[in-house]
Amino acid sequence: MDATDLFKNHRLLLYYKGDISTLTLFSQHRNGSVCFPKPLPALSSSLEQEEFTDSKISLHPSTLVHSINQLLRLDNDLLHAEAEFSEQIDTPNGIITVHLARFIVLDPAHKLLESRDCRMRTLPELRGRPPAEMELLRRAYVKVMES
């Protein structure tokens, strides 16, 4: 399965959390989206847990992380899939499941991501994103802070 097919119904949020300072940053494309490898479709909205649908085909987040590593030309040990985070987004083209992956580095990967036309941003810096992305970021932040 190539990356185009793989990410048809899936996206990743990429984040960094400092182990000492708890600084939390999310990766953002130059196009503004926090979903990788491409933005959510227009008119997307987040679903509540009780609205989630069960998929007959399950895809482990590590498969997505492997593909993102290839697409962004990242070392294979730089990102770690957070298997316990999975959110569903309702889109005009069907449900998209969003997973979370953490950068496993001591310091934020600012320069590395800038070389890939991306940035690391705090939640306040990401204000103004579409509502579905903002809700994803809120849920991801809660999950990150609880872990």
Protein backbone atom coordinates (compact mmCIF):
# COMPACT_ATOMS: atom_id res chain seq x y z
CA MET A 1 0.00 0.00 0.00
CA ASP A 2 1.53 3.33 -1.00
CA ALA A 3 1.40 6.51 1.09
CA THR A 4 -1.42 8.01 -0.98
CA ASP A 5 -3.69 5.07 -0.19
CA LEU A 6 -2.45 4.79 3.37
CA PHE A 7 -3.36 8.38 4.23
CA LYS A 8 -6.68 8.48 2.39
CA ASN A 9 -8.53 7.80 5.67
CA HIS A 10 -5.76 8.53 8.18
CA ARG A 11 -3.69 11.45 9.41
CA LEU A 12 -1.03 12.01 12.04
CA LEU A 13 -0.48 14.79 14.55
CA LEU A 14 3.24 15.12 15.31
CA TYR A 15 4.29 16.55 18.66
CA TYR A 16 7.21 17.14 20.98
CA LYS A 17 6.98 17.10 24.78
CA GLY A 18 9.90 18.04 26.94
CA ASP A 19 10.54 15.53 29.71
CA ILE A 20 11.67 18.16 32.20
CA SER A 21 9.83 21.33 31.25
CA THR A 22 6.68 19.70 29.79
CA LEU A 23 6.95 22.13 26.89
CA THR A 24 4.54 20.77 24.29
CA LEU A 25 4.82 21.68 20.63
CA PHE A 26 2.89 20.47 17.60
CA SER A 27 4.23 20.28 14.05
CA GLN A 28 2.63 22.51 11.45
CA HIS A 29 2.94 22.42 7.65
CA ARG A 30 3.82 25.53 5.73
CA ASN A 31 0.18 25.37 4.52
CA GLY A 32 -0.90 25.84 8.15
CA SER A 33 -2.33 22.38 8.81
CA VAL A 34 -1.28 20.30 11.80
CA CYS A 35 -2.42 17.08 10.11
CA PHE A 36 0.18 15.06 8.25
CA PRO A 37 0.81 14.43 5.46
CA LYS A 38 -2.06 16.64 4.24
CA PRO A 39 -4.80 18.82 5.73
CA LEU A 40 -8.26 17.59 6.57
CA PRO A 41 -10.84 18.31 3.85
CA ALA A 42 -12.93 21.48 4.13
CA LEU A 43 -16.11 21.09 6.21
CA SER A 44 -14.54 18.44 8.48
CA SER A 45 -15.83 18.12 12.03
CA SER A 46 -14.71 16.13 15.04
CA LEU A 47 -16.82 13.27 16.33
CA GLU A 48 -17.51 12.45 19.95
CA GLN A 49 -16.40 9.05 21.25
CA GLU A 50 -19.95 7.69 21.17
CA GLU A 51 -20.21 8.65 17.47
CA PHE A 52 -17.06 6.74 16.44
CA THR A 53 -17.53 4.01 13.88
CA ASP A 54 -15.76 0.66 13.96
CA SER A 55 -13.62 -0.09 10.96
CA LYS A 56 -13.35 -3.59 9.58
CA ILE A 57 -9.75 -2.89 8.64
CA SER A 58 -7.44 -1.79 11.41
CA LEU A 59 -4.22 0.08 10.71
CA HIS A 60 -1.58 0.35 13.41
CA PRO A 61 -0.24 3.91 13.89
CA SER A 62 3.36 2.67 13.56
CA THR A 63 2.63 1.93 9.89
CA LEU A 64 1.65 5.58 9.44
CA VAL A 65 4.76 6.75 11.31
CA HIS A 66 6.95 4.67 9.02
CA SER A 67 5.34 6.30 5.96
CA ILE A 68 5.68 9.81 7.42
CA ASN A 69 9.36 9.10 8.09
CA GLN A 70 9.79 8.28 4.42
CA LEU A 71 7.75 11.24 3.17
CA LEU A 72 9.57 13.76 5.40
CA ARG A 73 12.96 12.00 5.08
CA LEU A 74 13.24 11.44 8.85
CA ASP A 75 15.29 8.83 10.69
CA ASN A 76 13.20 5.81 11.65
CA ASP A 77 13.83 6.25 15.38
CA LEU A 78 12.79 9.92 15.57
CA LEU A 79 9.02 9.43 15.96
CA HIS A 80 7.12 7.05 18.21
CA ALA A 81 3.45 6.17 17.58
CA GLU A 82 1.11 6.82 20.50
CA ALA A 83 -1.18 3.82 20.05
CA GLU A 84 -3.65 4.93 22.72
CA PHE A 85 -4.67 8.10 20.83
CA SER A 86 -7.15 7.72 18.00
CA GLU A 87 -9.75 10.33 17.06
CA GLN A 88 -12.27 10.28 14.25
CA ILE A 89 -13.13 13.21 12.02
CA ASP A 90 -16.24 13.34 9.87
CA THR A 91 -15.44 14.67 6.38
CA PRO A 92 -17.46 15.03 3.17
CA ASN A 93 -15.50 11.99 1.87
CA GLY A 94 -16.02 9.79 4.94
CA ILE A 95 -14.37 9.22 8.31
CA ILE A 96 -10.67 10.05 8.79
CA THR A 97 -8.90 8.60 11.81
CA VAL A 98 -6.20 10.79 13.33
CA HIS A 99 -3.32 9.30 15.32
CA LEU A 100 -0.55 10.85 17.39
CA ALA A 101 3.23 10.47 17.09
CA ARG A 102 5.83 11.89 19.48
CA PHE A 103 9.28 13.15 18.58
CA ILE A 104 11.74 11.19 20.72
CA VAL A 105 14.46 13.82 21.07
CA LEU A 106 15.87 15.85 23.94
CA ASP A 107 15.23 19.23 22.32
CA PRO A 108 12.53 20.33 19.86
CA ALA A 109 13.41 19.52 16.26
CA HIS A 110 12.99 23.13 15.06
CA LYS A 111 15.80 23.17 12.48
CA LEU A 112 15.03 19.71 11.16
CA LEU A 113 11.37 20.54 10.59
CA GLU A 114 12.14 23.96 9.13
CA SER A 115 14.29 22.17 6.55
CA ARG A 116 11.11 20.21 5.65
CA ASP A 117 8.94 23.38 5.36
CA CYS A 118 7.32 22.72 8.74
CA ARG A 119 7.43 24.38 12.15
CA MET A 120 7.02 23.44 15.79
CA ARG A 121 4.29 25.53 17.45
CA THR A 122 2.71 25.93 20.87
CA LEU A 123 -1.06 25.69 21.19
CA PRO A 124 -1.51 29.48 21.47
CA GLU A 125 0.47 29.91 18.24
CA LEU A 126 -1.94 27.54 16.50
CA ARG A 127 -5.09 29.50 17.31
CA GLY A 128 -7.24 30.19 14.30
CA ARG A 129 -6.93 26.75 12.74
CA PRO A 130 -10.19 25.19 11.49
CA PRO A 131 -12.49 23.93 14.29
CA ALA A 132 -11.82 20.23 13.61
CA GLU A 133 -8.05 20.78 13.92
CA MET A 134 -8.45 22.86 17.06
CA GLU A 135 -10.52 20.12 18.68
CA LEU A 136 -7.93 17.51 17.66
CA LEU A 137 -5.20 19.64 19.20
CA ARG A 138 -7.21 20.06 22.40
CA ARG A 139 -7.80 16.31 22.71
CA ALA A 140 -4.16 15.53 21.91
CA TYR A 141 -2.95 18.05 24.48
CA VAL A 142 -5.19 16.52 27.16
CA LYS A 143 -3.86 13.05 26.29
CA VAL A 144 -0.24 14.24 26.34
CA MET A 145 -0.65 15.97 29.70
CA GLU A 146 -2.33 12.91 31.24
CA SER A 147 0.46 10.57 30.18
